[in-house]
Amino acid sequence: MNYTYILKCADGTLYCGWTNHLEARVKAHNEGRGAKYTKGRGPVSLVYYEEFETREEAMRREAAIKKLSRREKEELIGGQVC
């Protein structure tokens, strides 16, 4: 399974990414190994995710979410509790 996810950083910012192992990826972000953006912004918490069959689908969805405004991302997050 592949996932597109949104994290909320300790400074209140949002980060979107994709992975094929969600739990390990969130752990990596919290250990400062996940992404340059989240390094130093931890701890992060998983606030949203979607599941996809293929990596390509997850990557396309990540790109689409990254184009959303913060308000649109917050509305998306509001529809799901992790």
C-alpha atoms as a PDB file:
ATOM      1  CA  MET A   1       0.000   0.000   0.000  1.00  0.00           C
ATOM      2  CA  ASN A   2       1.121   3.574  -0.711  1.00  0.00           C
ATOM      3  CA  TYR A   3       0.128   6.643   1.224  1.00  0.00           C
ATOM      4  CA  THR A   4      -0.112  10.383   0.774  1.00  0.00           C
ATOM      5  CA  TYR A   5       0.011  12.081   4.147  1.00  0.00           C
ATOM      6  CA  ILE A   6      -0.042  15.443   5.893  1.00  0.00           C
ATOM      7  CA  LEU A   7       1.922  16.160   9.052  1.00  0.00           C
ATOM      8  CA  LYS A   8       1.451  19.040  11.442  1.00  0.00           C
ATOM      9  CA  CYS A   9       4.786  20.339  12.691  1.00  0.00           C
ATOM     10  CA  ALA A  10       5.394  21.707  16.186  1.00  0.00           C
ATOM     11  CA  ASP A  11       5.525  25.245  14.740  1.00  0.00           C
ATOM     12  CA  GLY A  12       2.008  24.795  13.304  1.00  0.00           C
ATOM     13  CA  THR A  13       3.066  24.392   9.667  1.00  0.00           C
ATOM     14  CA  LEU A  14       1.843  21.542   7.481  1.00  0.00           C
ATOM     15  CA  TYR A  15       3.982  19.132   5.466  1.00  0.00           C
ATOM     16  CA  CYS A  16       2.714  16.802   2.743  1.00  0.00           C
ATOM     17  CA  GLY A  17       4.539  13.730   1.477  1.00  0.00           C
ATOM     18  CA  TRP A  18       4.093  10.173   0.247  1.00  0.00           C
ATOM     19  CA  THR A  19       5.451   6.826   1.402  1.00  0.00           C
ATOM     20  CA  ASN A  20       4.878   3.089   1.209  1.00  0.00           C
ATOM     21  CA  HIS A  21       5.351   2.615   4.982  1.00  0.00           C
ATOM     22  CA  LEU A  22       3.438   5.285   6.870  1.00  0.00           C
ATOM     23  CA  GLU A  23       4.372   4.441  10.458  1.00  0.00           C
ATOM     24  CA  ALA A  24       8.100   4.231   9.693  1.00  0.00           C
ATOM     25  CA  ARG A  25       8.001   7.465   7.707  1.00  0.00           C
ATOM     26  CA  VAL A  26       6.358   9.437  10.522  1.00  0.00           C
ATOM     27  CA  LYS A  27       8.948   7.999  12.925  1.00  0.00           C
ATOM     28  CA  ALA A  28      11.737   9.079  10.562  1.00  0.00           C
ATOM     29  CA  HIS A  29      10.336  12.629  10.435  1.00  0.00           C
ATOM     30  CA  ASN A  30      10.287  12.746  14.235  1.00  0.00           C
ATOM     31  CA  GLU A  31      13.886  11.532  14.359  1.00  0.00           C
ATOM     32  CA  GLY A  32      14.997  14.309  12.003  1.00  0.00           C
ATOM     33  CA  ARG A  33      15.546  11.947   9.056  1.00  0.00           C
ATOM     34  CA  GLY A  34      12.265  12.378   7.177  1.00  0.00           C
ATOM     35  CA  ALA A  35      12.698  15.537   5.137  1.00  0.00           C
ATOM     36  CA  LYS A  36      14.738  18.699   5.167  1.00  0.00           C
ATOM     37  CA  TYR A  37      11.583  20.743   5.837  1.00  0.00           C
ATOM     38  CA  THR A  38      10.526  18.826   8.954  1.00  0.00           C
ATOM     39  CA  LYS A  39      14.032  18.605  10.421  1.00  0.00           C
ATOM     40  CA  GLY A  40      14.050  20.973  13.387  1.00  0.00           C
ATOM     41  CA  ARG A  41      10.261  21.458  13.251  1.00  0.00           C
ATOM     42  CA  GLY A  42       9.429  18.402  15.338  1.00  0.00           C
ATOM     43  CA  PRO A  43       7.789  16.748  16.865  1.00  0.00           C
ATOM     44  CA  VAL A  44       5.390  16.200  14.005  1.00  0.00           C
ATOM     45  CA  SER A  45       2.006  14.521  14.173  1.00  0.00           C
ATOM     46  CA  LEU A  46       0.121  12.683  11.460  1.00  0.00           C
ATOM     47  CA  VAL A  47      -3.109  14.574  10.810  1.00  0.00           C
ATOM     48  CA  TYR A  48      -4.248  13.106   7.486  1.00  0.00           C
ATOM     49  CA  TYR A  49      -3.551  10.277   5.069  1.00  0.00           C
ATOM     50  CA  GLU A  50      -4.989   8.556   2.010  1.00  0.00           C
ATOM     51  CA  GLU A  51      -4.224   5.045   0.740  1.00  0.00           C
ATOM     52  CA  PHE A  52      -3.389   4.170  -2.870  1.00  0.00           C
ATOM     53  CA  GLU A  53      -2.591   0.977  -4.748  1.00  0.00           C
ATOM     54  CA  THR A  54       0.327   2.454  -6.679  1.00  0.00           C
ATOM     55  CA  ARG A  55       3.218   4.756  -5.938  1.00  0.00           C
ATOM     56  CA  GLU A  56       2.297   6.876  -8.951  1.00  0.00           C
ATOM     57  CA  GLU A  57      -1.206   7.541  -7.591  1.00  0.00           C
ATOM     58  CA  ALA A  58       0.199   8.575  -4.208  1.00  0.00           C
ATOM     59  CA  MET A  59       2.736  10.874  -5.845  1.00  0.00           C
ATOM     60  CA  ARG A  60       0.070  12.497  -8.031  1.00  0.00           C
ATOM     61  CA  ARG A  61      -2.121  13.100  -4.995  1.00  0.00           C
ATOM     62  CA  GLU A  62       0.825  14.575  -3.076  1.00  0.00           C
ATOM     63  CA  ALA A  63       1.447  17.028  -5.934  1.00  0.00           C
ATOM     64  CA  ALA A  64      -2.236  17.994  -5.979  1.00  0.00           C
ATOM     65  CA  ILE A  65      -2.359  18.565  -2.216  1.00  0.00           C
ATOM     66  CA  LYS A  66       0.791  20.677  -2.309  1.00  0.00           C
ATOM     67  CA  LYS A  67      -1.000  23.029  -4.724  1.00  0.00           C
ATOM     68  CA  LEU A  68      -3.826  23.613  -2.240  1.00  0.00           C
ATOM     69  CA  SER A  69      -3.910  26.682  -0.037  1.00  0.00           C
ATOM     70  CA  ARG A  70      -3.432  26.227   3.704  1.00  0.00           C
ATOM     71  CA  ARG A  71      -7.149  26.789   4.206  1.00  0.00           C
ATOM     72  CA  GLU A  72      -7.996  24.064   1.676  1.00  0.00           C
ATOM     73  CA  LYS A  73      -5.549  21.696   3.385  1.00  0.00           C
ATOM     74  CA  GLU A  74      -7.149  22.429   6.753  1.00  0.00           C
ATOM     75  CA  GLU A  75     -10.588  21.684   5.271  1.00  0.00           C
ATOM     76  CA  LEU A  76      -9.227  18.390   3.925  1.00  0.00           C
ATOM     77  CA  ILE A  77      -7.757  17.507   7.313  1.00  0.00           C
ATOM     78  CA  GLY A  78     -11.013  18.420   9.029  1.00  0.00           C
ATOM     79  CA  GLY A  79     -12.726  15.537   7.277  1.00  0.00           C
ATOM     80  CA  GLN A  80     -10.471  12.883   8.818  1.00  0.00           C
ATOM     81  CA  VAL A  81      -9.228  12.129  12.307  1.00  0.00           C
ATOM     82  CA  CYS A  82      -6.030  10.077  12.557  1.00  0.00           C
END
